[in-house]
Amino acid sequence: MVKSWLDGNIVWLEIDGPFIADEVIAETNKWLAHPEAYIGYITDIRKMTERTAAESKKAEDQAKKNKSGKPRAVLGKDLATAALMNIYVRFTGAEGIHYFNNVDDAKAWLRGQPQK
């Protein structure tokens, strides 16, 4: 399940359970109509239970089509997840994405990114 909400000027996406691209796409599409309302995304994967390469690729392909230009911080819980994120970025060609295991660091990074 994916939930999203606005936290100040950051869209927060929380994935609870398996990563399902269609759910992530549906939630991010809600925010595309209001780009002035937020500076970027935090995708919280601390409750995510699994993620397949096919689902990852599908979600990233849609993100490239949407071209929001908004940076994406991924919030995880450990170094193993960081390694998986590095594989994800290489596999999908993702841009404007950075991994964090600390909420404050993720927010600070997003606030420091140039706005498009």
PDB file of N, CA and C in Angstrom:
ATOM      1  N   MET A   1       0.842  -1.170   0.000  1.00  0.00           N
ATOM      2  CA  MET A   1       0.000   0.000   0.000  1.00  0.00           C
ATOM      3  C   MET A   1       0.896   1.245   0.000  1.00  0.00           C
ATOM      4  N   VAL A   2       0.485   2.245  -0.756  1.00  0.00           N
ATOM      5  CA  VAL A   2       1.219   3.510  -0.822  1.00  0.00           C
ATOM      6  C   VAL A   2       0.291   4.638  -0.385  1.00  0.00           C
ATOM      7  N   LYS A   3       0.792   5.456   0.530  1.00  0.00           N
ATOM      8  CA  LYS A   3       0.065   6.651   0.966  1.00  0.00           C
ATOM      9  C   LYS A   3       0.947   7.847   0.656  1.00  0.00           C
ATOM     10  N   SER A   4       0.311   8.992   0.405  1.00  0.00           N
ATOM     11  CA  SER A   4       1.095  10.208   0.200  1.00  0.00           C
ATOM     12  C   SER A   4       0.416  11.382   0.872  1.00  0.00           C
ATOM     13  N   TRP A   5       1.230  12.347   1.269  1.00  0.00           N
ATOM     14  CA  TRP A   5       0.728  13.569   1.879  1.00  0.00           C
ATOM     15  C   TRP A   5       1.795  14.653   1.726  1.00  0.00           C
ATOM     16  N   LEU A   6       1.375  15.886   1.938  1.00  0.00           N
ATOM     17  CA  LEU A   6       2.283  17.014   1.872  1.00  0.00           C
ATOM     18  C   LEU A   6       2.788  17.303   3.279  1.00  0.00           C
ATOM     19  N   ASP A   7       4.100  17.309   3.440  1.00  0.00           N
ATOM     20  CA  ASP A   7       4.759  17.596   4.713  1.00  0.00           C
ATOM     21  C   ASP A   7       5.532  18.899   4.520  1.00  0.00           C
ATOM     22  N   GLY A   8       4.912  20.018   4.868  1.00  0.00           N
ATOM     23  CA  GLY A   8       5.509  21.317   4.554  1.00  0.00           C
ATOM     24  C   GLY A   8       5.464  21.512   3.051  1.00  0.00           C
ATOM     25  N   ASN A   9       6.625  21.557   2.442  1.00  0.00           N
ATOM     26  CA  ASN A   9       6.686  21.686   0.987  1.00  0.00           C
ATOM     27  C   ASN A   9       7.321  20.467   0.332  1.00  0.00           C
ATOM     28  N   ILE A  10       7.183  19.317   0.982  1.00  0.00           N
ATOM     29  CA  ILE A  10       7.733  18.056   0.491  1.00  0.00           C
ATOM     30  C   ILE A  10       6.615  17.022   0.421  1.00  0.00           C
ATOM     31  N   VAL A  11       6.528  16.336  -0.712  1.00  0.00           N
ATOM     32  CA  VAL A  11       5.568  15.233  -0.836  1.00  0.00           C
ATOM     33  C   VAL A  11       6.204  14.002  -0.209  1.00  0.00           C
ATOM     34  N   TRP A  12       5.491  13.413   0.711  1.00  0.00           N
ATOM     35  CA  TRP A  12       5.949  12.207   1.404  1.00  0.00           C
ATOM     36  C   TRP A  12       5.164  11.028   0.841  1.00  0.00           C
ATOM     37  N   LEU A  13       5.882  10.031   0.326  1.00  0.00           N
ATOM     38  CA  LEU A  13       5.270   8.781  -0.131  1.00  0.00           C
ATOM     39  C   LEU A  13       5.735   7.675   0.803  1.00  0.00           C
ATOM     40  N   GLU A  14       4.797   6.948   1.375  1.00  0.00           N
ATOM     41  CA  GLU A  14       5.150   5.848   2.273  1.00  0.00           C
ATOM     42  C   GLU A  14       4.695   4.537   1.647  1.00  0.00           C
ATOM     43  N   ILE A  15       5.642   3.620   1.478  1.00  0.00           N
ATOM     44  CA  ILE A  15       5.334   2.302   0.924  1.00  0.00           C
ATOM     45  C   ILE A  15       5.313   1.309   2.075  1.00  0.00           C
ATOM     46  N   ASP A  16       4.176   0.665   2.260  1.00  0.00           N
ATOM     47  CA  ASP A  16       3.995  -0.317   3.325  1.00  0.00           C
ATOM     48  C   ASP A  16       3.618  -1.630   2.661  1.00  0.00           C
ATOM     49  N   GLY A  17       4.538  -2.583   2.659  1.00  0.00           N
ATOM     50  CA  GLY A  17       4.326  -3.857   1.976  1.00  0.00           C
ATOM     51  C   GLY A  17       5.147  -3.912   0.702  1.00  0.00           C
ATOM     52  N   PRO A  18       4.725  -4.713  -0.251  1.00  0.00           N
ATOM     53  CA  PRO A  18       5.502  -4.843  -1.492  1.00  0.00           C
ATOM     54  C   PRO A  18       5.435  -3.575  -2.349  1.00  0.00           C
ATOM     55  N   PHE A  19       6.512  -3.327  -3.087  1.00  0.00           N
ATOM     56  CA  PHE A  19       6.565  -2.209  -4.030  1.00  0.00           C
ATOM     57  C   PHE A  19       5.757  -2.592  -5.258  1.00  0.00           C
ATOM     58  N   ILE A  20       4.675  -1.863  -5.493  1.00  0.00           N
ATOM     59  CA  ILE A  20       3.821  -2.098  -6.657  1.00  0.00           C
ATOM     60  C   ILE A  20       3.823  -0.807  -7.466  1.00  0.00           C
ATOM     61  N   ALA A  21       4.413  -0.877  -8.650  1.00  0.00           N
ATOM     62  CA  ALA A  21       4.614   0.319  -9.471  1.00  0.00           C
ATOM     63  C   ALA A  21       3.322   1.084  -9.710  1.00  0.00           C
ATOM     64  N   ASP A  22       2.251   0.395 -10.026  1.00  0.00           N
ATOM     65  CA  ASP A  22       0.990   1.084 -10.314  1.00  0.00           C
ATOM     66  C   ASP A  22       0.502   1.915  -9.126  1.00  0.00           C
ATOM     67  N   GLU A  23       0.726   1.439  -7.919  1.00  0.00           N
ATOM     68  CA  GLU A  23       0.333   2.200  -6.732  1.00  0.00           C
ATOM     69  C   GLU A  23       1.201   3.451  -6.578  1.00  0.00           C
ATOM     70  N   VAL A  24       2.497   3.294  -6.778  1.00  0.00           N
ATOM     71  CA  VAL A  24       3.411   4.441  -6.676  1.00  0.00           C
ATOM     72  C   VAL A  24       3.077   5.468  -7.752  1.00  0.00           C
ATOM     73  N   ILE A  25       2.848   5.000  -8.967  1.00  0.00           N
ATOM     74  CA  ILE A  25       2.513   5.887 -10.083  1.00  0.00           C
ATOM     75  C   ILE A  25       1.221   6.652  -9.797  1.00  0.00           C
ATOM     76  N   ALA A  26       0.213   5.955  -9.289  1.00  0.00           N
ATOM     77  CA  ALA A  26      -1.067   6.608  -8.981  1.00  0.00           C
ATOM     78  C   ALA A  26      -0.885   7.710  -7.935  1.00  0.00           C
ATOM     79  N   GLU A  27      -0.096   7.445  -6.921  1.00  0.00           N
ATOM     80  CA  GLU A  27       0.120   8.454  -5.872  1.00  0.00           C
ATOM     81  C   GLU A  27       0.919   9.638  -6.399  1.00  0.00           C
ATOM     82  N   THR A  28       1.972   9.401  -7.151  1.00  0.00           N
ATOM     83  CA  THR A  28       2.772  10.519  -7.656  1.00  0.00           C
ATOM     84  C   THR A  28       1.993  11.337  -8.679  1.00  0.00           C
ATOM     85  N   ASN A  29       1.134  10.689  -9.457  1.00  0.00           N
ATOM     86  CA  ASN A  29       0.327  11.414 -10.444  1.00  0.00           C
ATOM     87  C   ASN A  29      -0.586  12.436  -9.781  1.00  0.00           C
ATOM     88  N   LYS A  30      -1.028  12.173  -8.556  1.00  0.00           N
ATOM     89  CA  LYS A  30      -1.875  13.111  -7.828  1.00  0.00           C
ATOM     90  C   LYS A  30      -1.189  14.465  -7.642  1.00  0.00           C
ATOM     91  N   TRP A  31       0.133  14.446  -7.514  1.00  0.00           N
ATOM     92  CA  TRP A  31       0.885  15.653  -7.204  1.00  0.00           C
ATOM     93  C   TRP A  31       1.354  16.406  -8.439  1.00  0.00           C
ATOM     94  N   LEU A  32       1.350  15.760  -9.588  1.00  0.00           N
ATOM     95  CA  LEU A  32       1.859  16.393 -10.807  1.00  0.00           C
ATOM     96  C   LEU A  32       1.054  17.614 -11.223  1.00  0.00           C
ATOM     97  N   ALA A  33      -0.206  17.667 -10.859  1.00  0.00           N
ATOM     98  CA  ALA A  33      -1.055  18.806 -11.224  1.00  0.00           C
ATOM     99  C   ALA A  33      -0.767  20.042 -10.369  1.00  0.00           C
ATOM    100  N   HIS A  34       0.025  19.886  -9.319  1.00  0.00           N
ATOM    101  CA  HIS A  34       0.296  20.994  -8.393  1.00  0.00           C
ATOM    102  C   HIS A  34       1.800  21.146  -8.130  1.00  0.00           C
ATOM    103  N   PRO A  35       2.605  21.317  -9.162  1.00  0.00           N
ATOM    104  CA  PRO A  35       4.064  21.350  -8.965  1.00  0.00           C
ATOM    105  C   PRO A  35       4.550  22.514  -8.101  1.00  0.00           C
ATOM    106  N   GLU A  36       3.773  23.567  -8.014  1.00  0.00           N
ATOM    107  CA  GLU A  36       4.179  24.714  -7.202  1.00  0.00           C
ATOM    108  C   GLU A  36       4.047  24.439  -5.703  1.00  0.00           C
ATOM    109  N   ALA A  37       3.343  23.389  -5.332  1.00  0.00           N
ATOM    110  CA  ALA A  37       3.066  23.094  -3.928  1.00  0.00           C
ATOM    111  C   ALA A  37       4.211  22.370  -3.222  1.00  0.00           C
ATOM    112  N   TYR A  38       5.170  21.853  -3.975  1.00  0.00           N
ATOM    113  CA  TYR A  38       6.220  21.053  -3.340  1.00  0.00           C
ATOM    114  C   TYR A  38       7.548  21.190  -4.085  1.00  0.00           C
ATOM    115  N   ILE A  39       8.634  20.915  -3.334  1.00  0.00           N
ATOM    116  CA  ILE A  39       9.977  21.026  -3.899  1.00  0.00           C
ATOM    117  C   ILE A  39      10.551  19.677  -4.308  1.00  0.00           C
ATOM    118  N   GLY A  40       9.983  18.597  -3.829  1.00  0.00           N
ATOM    119  CA  GLY A  40      10.476  17.259  -4.146  1.00  0.00           C
ATOM    120  C   GLY A  40       9.740  16.205  -3.343  1.00  0.00           C
ATOM    121  N   TYR A  41      10.244  14.989  -3.452  1.00  0.00           N
ATOM    122  CA  TYR A  41       9.607  13.833  -2.832  1.00  0.00           C
ATOM    123  C   TYR A  41      10.539  13.157  -1.832  1.00  0.00           C
ATOM    124  N   ILE A  42       9.966  12.655  -0.754  1.00  0.00           N
ATOM    125  CA  ILE A  42      10.631  11.662   0.083  1.00  0.00           C
ATOM    126  C   ILE A  42       9.832  10.382  -0.091  1.00  0.00           C
ATOM    127  N   THR A  43      10.492   9.344  -0.545  1.00  0.00           N
ATOM    128  CA  THR A  43       9.861   8.031  -0.650  1.00  0.00           C
ATOM    129  C   THR A  43      10.376   7.194   0.506  1.00  0.00           C
ATOM    130  N   ASP A  44       9.498   6.923   1.445  1.00  0.00           N
ATOM    131  CA  ASP A  44       9.846   6.185   2.658  1.00  0.00           C
ATOM    132  C   ASP A  44       9.642   4.695   2.407  1.00  0.00           C
ATOM    133  N   ILE A  45      10.760   3.968   2.327  1.00  0.00           N
ATOM    134  CA  ILE A  45      10.690   2.525   2.054  1.00  0.00           C
ATOM    135  C   ILE A  45      11.028   1.687   3.285  1.00  0.00           C
ATOM    136  N   ARG A  46      10.980   2.303   4.459  1.00  0.00           N
ATOM    137  CA  ARG A  46      11.333   1.571   5.674  1.00  0.00           C
ATOM    138  C   ARG A  46      10.365   0.442   5.990  1.00  0.00           C
ATOM    139  N   LYS A  47       9.125   0.509   5.489  1.00  0.00           N
ATOM    140  CA  LYS A  47       8.138  -0.557   5.718  1.00  0.00           C
ATOM    141  C   LYS A  47       7.937  -1.425   4.476  1.00  0.00           C
ATOM    142  N   MET A  48       8.730  -1.183   3.440  1.00  0.00           N
ATOM    143  CA  MET A  48       8.599  -1.959   2.206  1.00  0.00           C
ATOM    144  C   MET A  48       9.117  -3.378   2.455  1.00  0.00           C
ATOM    145  N   THR A  49       8.377  -4.366   1.969  1.00  0.00           N
ATOM    146  CA  THR A  49       8.748  -5.757   2.215  1.00  0.00           C
ATOM    147  C   THR A  49       9.441  -6.424   1.042  1.00  0.00           C
ATOM    148  N   GLU A  50       9.187  -5.976  -0.184  1.00  0.00           N
ATOM    149  CA  GLU A  50       9.865  -6.535  -1.346  1.00  0.00           C
ATOM    150  C   GLU A  50       9.766  -5.578  -2.523  1.00  0.00           C
ATOM    151  N   ARG A  51      10.704  -5.761  -3.457  1.00  0.00           N
ATOM    152  CA  ARG A  51      10.741  -4.906  -4.651  1.00  0.00           C
ATOM    153  C   ARG A  51      11.386  -5.714  -5.763  1.00  0.00           C
ATOM    154  N   THR A  52      10.693  -5.856  -6.876  1.00  0.00           N
ATOM    155  CA  THR A  52      11.248  -6.601  -7.997  1.00  0.00           C
ATOM    156  C   THR A  52      11.846  -5.638  -9.022  1.00  0.00           C
ATOM    157  N   ALA A  53      12.768  -6.141  -9.809  1.00  0.00           N
ATOM    158  CA  ALA A  53      13.393  -5.329 -10.853  1.00  0.00           C
ATOM    159  C   ALA A  53      12.353  -4.842 -11.862  1.00  0.00           C
ATOM    160  N   ALA A  54      11.408  -5.695 -12.211  1.00  0.00           N
ATOM    161  CA  ALA A  54      10.386  -5.321 -13.199  1.00  0.00           C
ATOM    162  C   ALA A  54       9.512  -4.181 -12.686  1.00  0.00           C
ATOM    163  N   GLU A  55       9.106  -4.239 -11.429  1.00  0.00           N
ATOM    164  CA  GLU A  55       8.285  -3.173 -10.856  1.00  0.00           C
ATOM    165  C   GLU A  55       9.090  -1.877 -10.741  1.00  0.00           C
ATOM    166  N   SER A  56      10.351  -1.993 -10.372  1.00  0.00           N
ATOM    167  CA  SER A  56      11.212  -0.817 -10.282  1.00  0.00           C
ATOM    168  C   SER A  56      11.353  -0.139 -11.634  1.00  0.00           C
ATOM    169  N   LYS A  57      11.610  -0.923 -12.648  1.00  0.00           N
ATOM    170  CA  LYS A  57      11.793  -0.389 -13.999  1.00  0.00           C
ATOM    171  C   LYS A  57      10.514   0.299 -14.482  1.00  0.00           C
ATOM    172  N   LYS A  58       9.366  -0.326 -14.222  1.00  0.00           N
ATOM    173  CA  LYS A  58       8.079   0.245 -14.627  1.00  0.00           C
ATOM    174  C   LYS A  58       7.856   1.609 -13.975  1.00  0.00           C
ATOM    175  N   ALA A  59       8.142   1.724 -12.689  1.00  0.00           N
ATOM    176  CA  ALA A  59       7.949   2.984 -11.970  1.00  0.00           C
ATOM    177  C   ALA A  59       8.913   4.054 -12.476  1.00  0.00           C
ATOM    178  N   GLU A  60      10.160   3.680 -12.709  1.00  0.00           N
ATOM    179  CA  GLU A  60      11.137   4.667 -13.169  1.00  0.00           C
ATOM    180  C   GLU A  60      10.849   5.122 -14.591  1.00  0.00           C
ATOM    181  N   ASP A  61      10.392   4.213 -15.440  1.00  0.00           N
ATOM    182  CA  ASP A  61      10.004   4.605 -16.802  1.00  0.00           C
ATOM    183  C   ASP A  61       8.892   5.647 -16.767  1.00  0.00           C
ATOM    184  N   GLN A  62       7.938   5.466 -15.870  1.00  0.00           N
ATOM    185  CA  GLN A  62       6.847   6.444 -15.746  1.00  0.00           C
ATOM    186  C   GLN A  62       7.371   7.763 -15.194  1.00  0.00           C
ATOM    187  N   ALA A  63       8.285   7.707 -14.242  1.00  0.00           N
ATOM    188  CA  ALA A  63       8.857   8.938 -13.691  1.00  0.00           C
ATOM    189  C   ALA A  63       9.566   9.737 -14.782  1.00  0.00           C
ATOM    190  N   LYS A  64      10.255   9.043 -15.674  1.00  0.00           N
ATOM    191  CA  LYS A  64      10.928   9.725 -16.784  1.00  0.00           C
ATOM    192  C   LYS A  64       9.924  10.340 -17.745  1.00  0.00           C
ATOM    193  N   LYS A  65       8.799   9.673 -17.979  1.00  0.00           N
ATOM    194  CA  LYS A  65       7.752  10.231 -18.849  1.00  0.00           C
ATOM    195  C   LYS A  65       7.128  11.474 -18.224  1.00  0.00           C
ATOM    196  N   ASN A  66       6.913  11.433 -16.907  1.00  0.00           N
ATOM    197  CA  ASN A  66       6.271  12.553 -16.216  1.00  0.00           C
ATOM    198  C   ASN A  66       7.136  13.806 -16.211  1.00  0.00           C
ATOM    199  N   LYS A  67       8.433  13.634 -16.137  1.00  0.00           N
ATOM    200  CA  LYS A  67       9.391  14.743 -16.161  1.00  0.00           C
ATOM    201  C   LYS A  67       9.009  15.878 -15.218  1.00  0.00           C
ATOM    202  N   SER A  68       8.755  15.536 -13.968  1.00  0.00           N
ATOM    203  CA  SER A  68       8.390  16.582 -13.010  1.00  0.00           C
ATOM    204  C   SER A  68       9.580  17.479 -12.693  1.00  0.00           C
ATOM    205  N   GLY A  69      10.789  16.946 -12.851  1.00  0.00           N
ATOM    206  CA  GLY A  69      11.985  17.716 -12.522  1.00  0.00           C
ATOM    207  C   GLY A  69      12.230  17.842 -11.034  1.00  0.00           C
ATOM    208  N   LYS A  70      11.423  17.187 -10.246  1.00  0.00           N
ATOM    209  CA  LYS A  70      11.546  17.286  -8.789  1.00  0.00           C
ATOM    210  C   LYS A  70      12.523  16.227  -8.279  1.00  0.00           C
ATOM    211  N   PRO A  71      13.421  16.603  -7.371  1.00  0.00           N
ATOM    212  CA  PRO A  71      14.344  15.626  -6.804  1.00  0.00           C
ATOM    213  C   PRO A  71      13.610  14.638  -5.901  1.00  0.00           C
ATOM    214  N   ARG A  72      14.201  13.456  -5.762  1.00  0.00           N
ATOM    215  CA  ARG A  72      13.599  12.391  -4.962  1.00  0.00           C
ATOM    216  C   ARG A  72      14.598  11.867  -3.944  1.00  0.00           C
ATOM    217  N   ALA A  73      14.232  11.953  -2.689  1.00  0.00           N
ATOM    218  CA  ALA A  73      15.023  11.378  -1.608  1.00  0.00           C
ATOM    219  C   ALA A  73      14.346  10.073  -1.206  1.00  0.00           C
ATOM    220  N   VAL A  74      15.131   9.017  -1.101  1.00  0.00           N
ATOM    221  CA  VAL A  74      14.609   7.729  -0.666  1.00  0.00           C
ATOM    222  C   VAL A  74      15.077   7.511   0.763  1.00  0.00           C
ATOM    223  N   LEU A  75      14.127   7.228   1.640  1.00  0.00           N
ATOM    224  CA  LEU A  75      14.413   7.046   3.058  1.00  0.00           C
ATOM    225  C   LEU A  75      14.336   5.564   3.403  1.00  0.00           C
ATOM    226  N   GLY A  76      15.473   5.007   3.780  1.00  0.00           N
ATOM    227  CA  GLY A  76      15.541   3.593   4.141  1.00  0.00           C
ATOM    228  C   GLY A  76      16.067   3.420   5.547  1.00  0.00           C
ATOM    229  N   LYS A  77      16.428   2.163   5.869  1.00  0.00           N
ATOM    230  CA  LYS A  77      16.790   1.898   7.257  1.00  0.00           C
ATOM    231  C   LYS A  77      18.196   1.363   7.484  1.00  0.00           C
ATOM    232  N   ASP A  78      18.913   0.968   6.411  1.00  0.00           N
ATOM    233  CA  ASP A  78      20.214   0.364   6.660  1.00  0.00           C
ATOM    234  C   ASP A  78      21.108   0.402   5.425  1.00  0.00           C
ATOM    235  N   LEU A  79      22.347  -0.065   5.587  1.00  0.00           N
ATOM    236  CA  LEU A  79      23.312  -0.058   4.493  1.00  0.00           C
ATOM    237  C   LEU A  79      22.947  -1.056   3.404  1.00  0.00           C
ATOM    238  N   ALA A  80      22.303  -2.152   3.767  1.00  0.00           N
ATOM    239  CA  ALA A  80      21.892  -3.131   2.759  1.00  0.00           C
ATOM    240  C   ALA A  80      20.888  -2.499   1.796  1.00  0.00           C
ATOM    241  N   THR A  81      19.979  -1.713   2.341  1.00  0.00           N
ATOM    242  CA  THR A  81      18.999  -1.027   1.498  1.00  0.00           C
ATOM    243  C   THR A  81      19.692   0.012   0.627  1.00  0.00           C
ATOM    244  N   ALA A  82      20.701   0.670   1.164  1.00  0.00           N
ATOM    245  CA  ALA A  82      21.469   1.639   0.373  1.00  0.00           C
ATOM    246  C   ALA A  82      22.122   0.948  -0.816  1.00  0.00           C
ATOM    247  N   ALA A  83      22.661  -0.239  -0.609  1.00  0.00           N
ATOM    248  CA  ALA A  83      23.272  -0.991  -1.707  1.00  0.00           C
ATOM    249  C   ALA A  83      22.233  -1.346  -2.759  1.00  0.00           C
ATOM    250  N   LEU A  84      21.046  -1.744  -2.325  1.00  0.00           N
ATOM    251  CA  LEU A  84      19.972  -2.053  -3.270  1.00  0.00           C
ATOM    252  C   LEU A  84      19.553  -0.814  -4.059  1.00  0.00           C
ATOM    253  N   MET A  85      19.549   0.343  -3.398  1.00  0.00           N
ATOM    254  CA  MET A  85      19.200   1.580  -4.101  1.00  0.00           C
ATOM    255  C   MET A  85      20.236   1.917  -5.160  1.00  0.00           C
ATOM    256  N   ASN A  86      21.515   1.667  -4.862  1.00  0.00           N
ATOM    257  CA  ASN A  86      22.553   1.911  -5.861  1.00  0.00           C
ATOM    258  C   ASN A  86      22.343   1.025  -7.086  1.00  0.00           C
ATOM    259  N   ILE A  87      21.955  -0.217  -6.865  1.00  0.00           N
ATOM    260  CA  ILE A  87      21.651  -1.133  -7.970  1.00  0.00           C
ATOM    261  C   ILE A  87      20.445  -0.612  -8.749  1.00  0.00           C
ATOM    262  N   TYR A  88      19.427  -0.170  -8.030  1.00  0.00           N
ATOM    263  CA  TYR A  88      18.213   0.381  -8.657  1.00  0.00           C
ATOM    264  C   TYR A  88      18.562   1.549  -9.578  1.00  0.00           C
ATOM    265  N   VAL A  89      19.364   2.473  -9.082  1.00  0.00           N
ATOM    266  CA  VAL A  89      19.723   3.658  -9.866  1.00  0.00           C
ATOM    267  C   VAL A  89      20.467   3.246 -11.134  1.00  0.00           C
ATOM    268  N   ARG A  90      21.402   2.318 -11.008  1.00  0.00           N
ATOM    269  CA  ARG A  90      22.146   1.851 -12.187  1.00  0.00           C
ATOM    270  C   ARG A  90      21.239   1.104 -13.153  1.00  0.00           C
ATOM    271  N   PHE A  91      20.379   0.242 -12.650  1.00  0.00           N
ATOM    272  CA  PHE A  91      19.507  -0.586 -13.490  1.00  0.00           C
ATOM    273  C   PHE A  91      18.488   0.248 -14.252  1.00  0.00           C
ATOM    274  N   THR A  92      17.917   1.240 -13.591  1.00  0.00           N
ATOM    275  CA  THR A  92      16.829   2.008 -14.208  1.00  0.00           C
ATOM    276  C   THR A  92      17.298   3.302 -14.871  1.00  0.00           C
ATOM    277  N   GLY A  93      18.521   3.740 -14.577  1.00  0.00           N
ATOM    278  CA  GLY A  93      18.983   5.013 -15.105  1.00  0.00           C
ATOM    279  C   GLY A  93      18.332   6.195 -14.405  1.00  0.00           C
ATOM    280  N   ALA A  94      17.893   5.994 -13.189  1.00  0.00           N
ATOM    281  CA  ALA A  94      17.209   7.051 -12.423  1.00  0.00           C
ATOM    282  C   ALA A  94      18.115   8.254 -12.227  1.00  0.00           C
ATOM    283  N   GLU A  95      17.510   9.431 -12.302  1.00  0.00           N
ATOM    284  CA  GLU A  95      18.240  10.676 -12.082  1.00  0.00           C
ATOM    285  C   GLU A  95      17.541  11.490 -11.001  1.00  0.00           C
ATOM    286  N   GLY A  96      18.311  12.333 -10.308  1.00  0.00           N
ATOM    287  CA  GLY A  96      17.726  13.205  -9.291  1.00  0.00           C
ATOM    288  C   GLY A  96      17.245  12.455  -8.072  1.00  0.00           C
ATOM    289  N   ILE A  97      17.918  11.340  -7.752  1.00  0.00           N
ATOM    290  CA  ILE A  97      17.486  10.507  -6.629  1.00  0.00           C
ATOM    291  C   ILE A  97      18.682  10.252  -5.713  1.00  0.00           C
ATOM    292  N   HIS A  98      18.432  10.290  -4.405  1.00  0.00           N
ATOM    293  CA  HIS A  98      19.501  10.088  -3.435  1.00  0.00           C
ATOM    294  C   HIS A  98      18.938   9.319  -2.239  1.00  0.00           C
ATOM    295  N   TYR A  99      19.728   8.418  -1.675  1.00  0.00           N
ATOM    296  CA  TYR A  99      19.308   7.571  -0.564  1.00  0.00           C
ATOM    297  C   TYR A  99      19.743   8.164   0.779  1.00  0.00           C
ATOM    298  N   PHE A 100      18.862   8.057   1.774  1.00  0.00           N
ATOM    299  CA  PHE A 100      19.147   8.512   3.139  1.00  0.00           C
ATOM    300  C   PHE A 100      18.581   7.516   4.139  1.00  0.00           C
ATOM    301  N   ASN A 101      19.159   7.485   5.328  1.00  0.00           N
ATOM    302  CA  ASN A 101      18.560   6.717   6.418  1.00  0.00           C
ATOM    303  C   ASN A 101      18.202   7.634   7.585  1.00  0.00           C
ATOM    304  N   ASN A 102      18.179   8.938   7.311  1.00  0.00           N
ATOM    305  CA  ASN A 102      17.844   9.928   8.322  1.00  0.00           C
ATOM    306  C   ASN A 102      16.894  10.954   7.707  1.00  0.00           C
ATOM    307  N   VAL A 103      15.751  11.159   8.347  1.00  0.00           N
ATOM    308  CA  VAL A 103      14.718  12.063   7.827  1.00  0.00           C
ATOM    309  C   VAL A 103      15.243  13.485   7.663  1.00  0.00           C
ATOM    310  N   ASP A 104      15.931  13.998   8.663  1.00  0.00           N
ATOM    311  CA  ASP A 104      16.410  15.381   8.603  1.00  0.00           C
ATOM    312  C   ASP A 104      17.397  15.584   7.456  1.00  0.00           C
ATOM    313  N   ASP A 105      18.270  14.602   7.233  1.00  0.00           N
ATOM    314  CA  ASP A 105      19.223  14.703   6.126  1.00  0.00           C
ATOM    315  C   ASP A 105      18.503  14.695   4.783  1.00  0.00           C
ATOM    316  N   ALA A 106      17.476  13.872   4.656  1.00  0.00           N
ATOM    317  CA  ALA A 106      16.707  13.805   3.408  1.00  0.00           C
ATOM    318  C   ALA A 106      16.025  15.142   3.133  1.00  0.00           C
ATOM    319  N   LYS A 107      15.409  15.718   4.149  1.00  0.00           N
ATOM    320  CA  LYS A 107      14.735  17.011   3.981  1.00  0.00           C
ATOM    321  C   LYS A 107      15.736  18.107   3.630  1.00  0.00           C
ATOM    322  N   ALA A 108      16.871  18.123   4.308  1.00  0.00           N
ATOM    323  CA  ALA A 108      17.890  19.142   4.039  1.00  0.00           C
ATOM    324  C   ALA A 108      18.406  19.020   2.605  1.00  0.00           C
ATOM    325  N   TRP A 109      18.621  17.803   2.150  1.00  0.00           N
ATOM    326  CA  TRP A 109      19.094  17.600   0.773  1.00  0.00           C
ATOM    327  C   TRP A 109      18.069  18.130  -0.222  1.00  0.00           C
ATOM    328  N   LEU A 110      16.788  17.801  -0.014  1.00  0.00           N
ATOM    329  CA  LEU A 110      15.745  18.292  -0.922  1.00  0.00           C
ATOM    330  C   LEU A 110      15.691  19.821  -0.931  1.00  0.00           C
ATOM    331  N   ARG A 111      15.785  20.418   0.224  1.00  0.00           N
ATOM    332  CA  ARG A 111      15.725  21.881   0.305  1.00  0.00           C
ATOM    333  C   ARG A 111      16.932  22.550  -0.344  1.00  0.00           C
ATOM    334  N   GLY A 112      18.029  21.821  -0.459  1.00  0.00           N
ATOM    335  CA  GLY A 112      19.231  22.367  -1.083  1.00  0.00           C
ATOM    336  C   GLY A 112      19.314  22.158  -2.582  1.00  0.00           C
ATOM    337  N   GLN A 113      18.346  21.465  -3.172  1.00  0.00           N
ATOM    338  CA  GLN A 113      18.368  21.189  -4.604  1.00  0.00           C
ATOM    339  C   GLN A 113      17.810  22.363  -5.396  1.00  0.00           C
ATOM    340  N   PRO A 114      18.375  22.615  -6.581  1.00  0.00           N
ATOM    341  CA  PRO A 114      17.830  23.689  -7.421  1.00  0.00           C
ATOM    342  C   PRO A 114      16.400  23.362  -7.843  1.00  0.00           C
ATOM    343  N   GLN A 115      15.565  24.388  -7.885  1.00  0.00           N
ATOM    344  CA  GLN A 115      14.164  24.206  -8.266  1.00  0.00           C
ATOM    345  C   GLN A 115      13.960  24.441  -9.752  1.00  0.00           C
ATOM    346  N   LYS A 116      13.157  23.591 -10.347  1.00  0.00           N
ATOM    347  CA  LYS A 116      12.843  23.698 -11.781  1.00  0.00           C
ATOM    348  C   LYS A 116      11.409  24.075 -11.969  1.00  0.00           C
TER     349      LYS A 116
END
